[in-house]
Structure formats: structure tokens, C-alpha cells
Amino acid sequence: AAMAQALEMACPPDVPAPQGLVVTRYGHGAMLESIECIEASHPLPDAAGREAAQRMVDIAHELGEGDQLLCLLSGCGSALLTLPADGLTMADQQAVSSALLRSGADIADINCVRKHLSAVKGGQLAVAARPARVTTLMISDVAGDDPATIASGPTVADPTTFGDARAILDRFGIDPPTAVRHHLESSGQETPKPGDPRLDGVEN
């Protein structure tokens, strides 16, 4: 929300005010003029975060050639931007997130699994915005500053796979809900990988 506030303040007077939506943790909202702010749960996702993520995807789908999508990402984004993949529920994501947070897995492993249970993470938000241009500004909260790990990289190509996500759950002895296991074993819709032409118009 503070990033959105800074964007509004930096916008030149001869440029239309930025329109859009941000999601932040409960108690961390900001007074915004043209951008809407929704507060949601962290570190476990909730319905408010899902609503925000769905609306962001809807905004992206409405964009066309010549439009510009500006994404502002920082820490907590993985939990706040939550939209379950087809066939999964919020309860499925909450159960897996809770187990991962207790397991001792590092953030890269946690976000690998999150990406493969999501309809927005791992570059999928950028794909939804095609053919609009996408520019993402990030504040890193992860060691190494890997853009694909910050907030689970909704506009960044994902080098990990469904197989990687399954291996992480197995390594930490996590028995996920049946729907999650089935999704990870049978889904043929991988996240966009490095070199995917659908991400050619994206700058991170």
C-alpha cells in the first residue's frame, strides 16, 4: 500500500491518475486517492486475499495492446495474492501453506509449491495481461533477491516444475489434501518458463 501511495504522489499532474488495486496485510493499509486498497491475511491466505487476486486477474484480462500494467511487489505477496488453481479450494491452499510454514522449508521451496497451486503466481498474472506491456517494481525480502521467488513471481518466468513441488512435499513429509496431490500429479498446465514468448513484453 505504501508503494501505491508513492506511485500516486510521483504521478505527474499532466498524466491521468493511476487506476487499480493493491492488497496488503491487515492493519497496513494506506490512504489512497485513485487506487483501491484491500487488506488480507498473512502468512496464511484468506478469502479477502483471494478476492483481491481474482480482481487483479480480471483487471489484467481487460487490458489490450497499448495498455500498461504496473505491478508493485514486496514481502508478504505470496500469501496475500492467493487464487487457487482450477480444482483446488482456499482450504487446500491454507492446509499446504500451514504445513510448509511448520516444516522448516526455506522460502524458495515454499514458493515453488505455492506457484503450482495457484492461478496467478509464477508468471501467470503477466500472461493474463497479454498483449499489454507489464512492468514490475519489486522490493526483495528473500536472500539472493531472485525475482522468481519474490511474492512467488506473478510476472516472472518460473524455472520450477510440478515435479519439483511434489519432491518438496515428499522431502518434508507433507501429506497434502487429496485434491492437491491429484493436481500436482496430473496437471498438464505448467507455469510459464524462461524464454516463454508470452512474457516478451514484461520488464521486472
Protein backbone atom coordinates (compact mmCIF):
# COMPACT_ATOMS: atom_id res chain seq x y z
CA ALA A 1 0.00 0.00 0.00
CA ALA A 2 2.89 2.37 0.74
CA MET A 3 4.28 1.66 -2.74
CA ALA A 4 0.91 2.57 -4.28
CA GLN A 5 0.82 5.74 -2.22
CA ALA A 6 4.29 6.68 -3.50
CA LEU A 7 3.15 5.99 -7.07
CA GLU A 8 0.19 8.33 -6.71
CA MET A 9 2.45 11.06 -5.28
CA ALA A 10 5.02 10.64 -8.07
CA CYS A 11 2.48 10.76 -10.91
CA PRO A 12 2.97 14.00 -12.94
CA PRO A 13 -0.04 16.34 -12.98
CA ASP A 14 -0.42 16.03 -16.77
CA VAL A 15 -0.71 12.21 -16.58
CA PRO A 16 -4.02 10.52 -15.70
CA ALA A 17 -4.11 9.22 -12.14
CA PRO A 18 -3.16 5.53 -11.89
CA GLN A 19 -6.13 3.19 -11.53
CA GLY A 20 -6.02 -0.21 -9.89
CA LEU A 21 -5.97 -2.29 -6.77
CA VAL A 22 -3.43 -3.26 -4.11
CA VAL A 23 -3.60 -5.84 -1.35
CA THR A 24 -1.72 -5.59 1.93
CA ARG A 25 -1.74 -7.09 5.42
CA TYR A 26 -4.46 -6.23 7.90
CA GLY A 27 -3.56 -3.00 9.64
CA HIS A 28 -1.12 -1.89 6.92
CA GLY A 29 -3.45 -0.04 4.56
CA ALA A 30 -2.79 3.50 3.32
CA MET A 31 -4.91 6.46 2.34
CA LEU A 32 -5.04 6.29 -1.45
CA GLU A 33 -6.76 8.62 -3.89
CA SER A 34 -7.26 6.66 -7.12
CA ILE A 35 -6.05 3.15 -6.25
CA GLU A 36 -8.22 0.84 -4.15
CA CYS A 37 -6.66 -0.95 -1.17
CA ILE A 38 -7.80 -4.29 0.24
CA GLU A 39 -6.41 -5.77 3.46
CA ALA A 40 -5.99 -9.53 3.80
CA SER A 41 -4.33 -12.23 5.91
CA HIS A 42 -0.65 -13.13 6.20
CA PRO A 43 1.07 -15.61 6.49
CA LEU A 44 -1.97 -17.85 5.85
CA PRO A 45 -4.22 -16.73 2.98
CA ASP A 46 -7.88 -15.87 3.43
CA ALA A 47 -10.97 -15.02 1.37
CA ALA A 48 -10.08 -11.32 1.18
CA GLY A 49 -6.76 -12.16 -0.46
CA ARG A 50 -8.50 -14.46 -2.89
CA GLU A 51 -10.98 -11.72 -3.82
CA ALA A 52 -8.13 -9.27 -4.42
CA ALA A 53 -6.22 -11.76 -6.57
CA GLN A 54 -9.29 -12.58 -8.67
CA ARG A 55 -9.99 -8.91 -9.25
CA MET A 56 -6.38 -8.32 -10.26
CA VAL A 57 -6.58 -11.12 -12.80
CA ASP A 58 -9.84 -9.64 -14.10
CA ILE A 59 -8.14 -6.24 -14.48
CA ALA A 60 -5.27 -7.88 -16.37
CA HIS A 61 -7.66 -9.69 -18.73
CA GLU A 62 -9.34 -6.38 -19.62
CA LEU A 63 -6.11 -4.81 -20.86
CA GLY A 64 -5.24 -4.58 -24.53
CA GLU A 65 -2.41 -3.65 -26.83
CA GLY A 66 -1.07 -0.22 -25.89
CA ASP A 67 -2.08 -0.58 -22.24
CA GLN A 68 0.45 -0.63 -19.39
CA LEU A 69 0.16 -2.80 -16.28
CA LEU A 70 2.36 -1.69 -13.39
CA CYS A 71 2.84 -4.28 -10.64
CA LEU A 72 4.20 -3.30 -7.22
CA LEU A 73 5.58 -6.28 -5.29
CA SER A 74 7.09 -6.63 -1.86
CA GLY A 75 7.30 -9.07 1.03
CA CYS A 76 4.14 -11.00 2.06
CA GLY A 77 2.92 -11.03 -1.54
CA SER A 78 2.83 -14.83 -1.80
CA ALA A 79 0.25 -15.16 0.98
CA LEU A 80 -1.72 -12.05 0.05
CA LEU A 81 -2.06 -12.78 -3.68
CA THR A 82 -3.92 -16.08 -3.44
CA LEU A 83 -6.02 -17.57 -6.23
CA PRO A 84 -6.31 -21.37 -6.18
CA ALA A 85 -5.73 -23.25 -9.42
CA ASP A 86 -8.71 -24.97 -11.02
CA GLY A 87 -9.95 -27.84 -8.88
CA LEU A 88 -8.43 -26.51 -5.65
CA THR A 89 -10.01 -24.61 -2.78
CA MET A 90 -8.86 -21.96 -0.34
CA ALA A 91 -8.87 -24.65 2.35
CA ASP A 92 -6.45 -26.74 0.24
CA GLN A 93 -4.05 -23.82 -0.05
CA GLN A 94 -4.33 -22.96 3.63
CA ALA A 95 -3.57 -26.54 4.65
CA VAL A 96 -0.48 -26.79 2.46
CA SER A 97 0.77 -23.32 3.41
CA SER A 98 0.40 -24.10 7.11
CA ALA A 99 2.26 -27.41 6.75
CA LEU A 100 5.08 -25.79 4.76
CA LEU A 101 5.50 -22.96 7.27
CA ARG A 102 5.86 -25.52 10.08
CA SER A 103 8.19 -27.81 8.11
CA GLY A 104 11.38 -25.78 8.08
CA ALA A 105 11.34 -25.40 4.30
CA ASP A 106 13.02 -22.25 3.00
CA ILE A 107 11.12 -19.54 1.15
CA ALA A 108 12.22 -20.77 -2.29
CA ASP A 109 10.78 -24.23 -1.61
CA ILE A 110 7.61 -22.82 -0.08
CA ASN A 111 7.04 -20.51 -3.03
CA CYS A 112 7.74 -23.29 -5.54
CA VAL A 113 4.80 -25.22 -4.13
CA ARG A 114 2.65 -22.11 -3.89
CA LYS A 115 3.24 -21.33 -7.59
CA HIS A 116 1.99 -24.74 -8.65
CA LEU A 117 -1.20 -24.48 -6.63
CA SER A 118 -2.00 -21.01 -7.97
CA ALA A 119 -3.72 -19.43 -10.95
CA VAL A 120 -1.77 -16.17 -10.61
CA LYS A 121 1.77 -16.86 -9.34
CA GLY A 122 4.80 -17.98 -11.35
CA GLY A 123 4.31 -15.61 -14.29
CA GLN A 124 0.62 -16.30 -14.71
CA LEU A 125 -0.51 -12.73 -13.93
CA ALA A 126 1.70 -11.40 -16.73
CA VAL A 127 0.27 -13.96 -19.15
CA ALA A 128 -3.24 -12.82 -18.20
CA ALA A 129 -2.31 -9.23 -19.14
CA ARG A 130 -1.22 -10.03 -22.70
CA PRO A 131 -0.89 -8.15 -25.04
CA ALA A 132 -0.43 -5.22 -22.64
CA ARG A 133 3.04 -4.19 -21.51
CA VAL A 134 3.89 -5.25 -17.95
CA THR A 135 6.39 -3.50 -15.70
CA THR A 136 7.04 -4.81 -12.18
CA LEU A 137 8.83 -2.93 -9.41
CA MET A 138 9.98 -5.18 -6.56
CA ILE A 139 11.24 -4.78 -3.03
CA SER A 140 13.02 -8.02 -2.18
CA ASP A 141 12.56 -9.84 1.11
CA VAL A 142 14.40 -13.01 0.04
CA ALA A 143 18.07 -13.95 0.24
CA GLY A 144 19.68 -13.64 -3.18
CA ASP A 145 16.93 -11.32 -4.49
CA ASP A 146 15.65 -13.89 -7.01
CA PRO A 147 12.75 -12.16 -8.85
CA ALA A 148 11.05 -15.53 -9.37
CA THR A 149 10.84 -16.01 -5.59
CA ILE A 150 9.76 -12.51 -4.51
CA ALA A 151 5.99 -12.80 -3.88
CA SER A 152 6.17 -16.05 -5.91
CA GLY A 153 6.90 -14.09 -9.09
CA PRO A 154 3.45 -13.39 -10.58
CA THR A 155 5.11 -11.64 -13.53
CA VAL A 156 8.33 -13.68 -13.68
CA ALA A 157 9.11 -16.85 -15.63
CA ASP A 158 9.13 -19.86 -13.31
CA PRO A 159 12.07 -22.28 -13.64
CA THR A 160 10.47 -24.81 -11.26
CA THR A 161 8.04 -27.60 -12.15
CA PHE A 162 5.16 -29.65 -10.77
CA GLY A 163 7.70 -32.39 -10.17
CA ASP A 164 9.79 -30.02 -8.05
CA ALA A 165 6.72 -29.15 -5.98
CA ARG A 166 5.91 -32.83 -5.40
CA ALA A 167 9.50 -33.51 -4.38
CA ILE A 168 9.43 -30.68 -1.82
CA LEU A 169 6.28 -32.02 -0.18
CA ASP A 170 7.78 -35.51 -0.08
CA ARG A 171 11.11 -34.27 1.30
CA PHE A 172 9.42 -32.56 4.23
CA GLY A 173 6.96 -35.39 4.85
CA ILE A 174 3.90 -33.34 4.00
CA ASP A 175 0.80 -35.33 3.04
CA PRO A 176 -1.35 -32.75 1.22
CA PRO A 177 -5.10 -32.85 0.69
CA THR A 178 -6.15 -35.34 -1.99
CA ALA A 179 -7.09 -32.58 -4.43
CA VAL A 180 -3.62 -31.04 -4.09
CA ARG A 181 -1.83 -34.35 -4.66
CA HIS A 182 -4.02 -35.07 -7.70
CA HIS A 183 -3.38 -31.58 -9.10
CA LEU A 184 0.39 -31.88 -8.74
CA GLU A 185 0.42 -35.35 -10.30
CA SER A 186 -1.95 -34.78 -13.20
CA SER A 187 -1.90 -31.14 -14.21
CA GLY A 188 -0.59 -30.54 -17.69
CA GLN A 189 -0.69 -26.74 -17.42
CA GLU A 190 2.81 -25.77 -16.33
CA THR A 191 3.73 -22.25 -15.29
CA PRO A 192 5.44 -20.14 -17.98
CA LYS A 193 9.14 -20.96 -18.21
CA PRO A 194 12.19 -18.81 -19.08
CA GLY A 195 12.08 -17.99 -22.78
CA ASP A 196 8.27 -18.23 -22.98
CA PRO A 197 7.24 -15.73 -25.70
CA ARG A 198 4.15 -14.80 -23.69
CA LEU A 199 6.48 -12.92 -21.34
CA ASP A 200 8.31 -10.96 -24.05
CA GLY A 201 6.53 -7.72 -23.12
CA VAL A 202 7.39 -7.98 -19.43
CA GLU A 203 10.03 -5.95 -17.59
CA ASN A 204 10.91 -6.83 -14.00
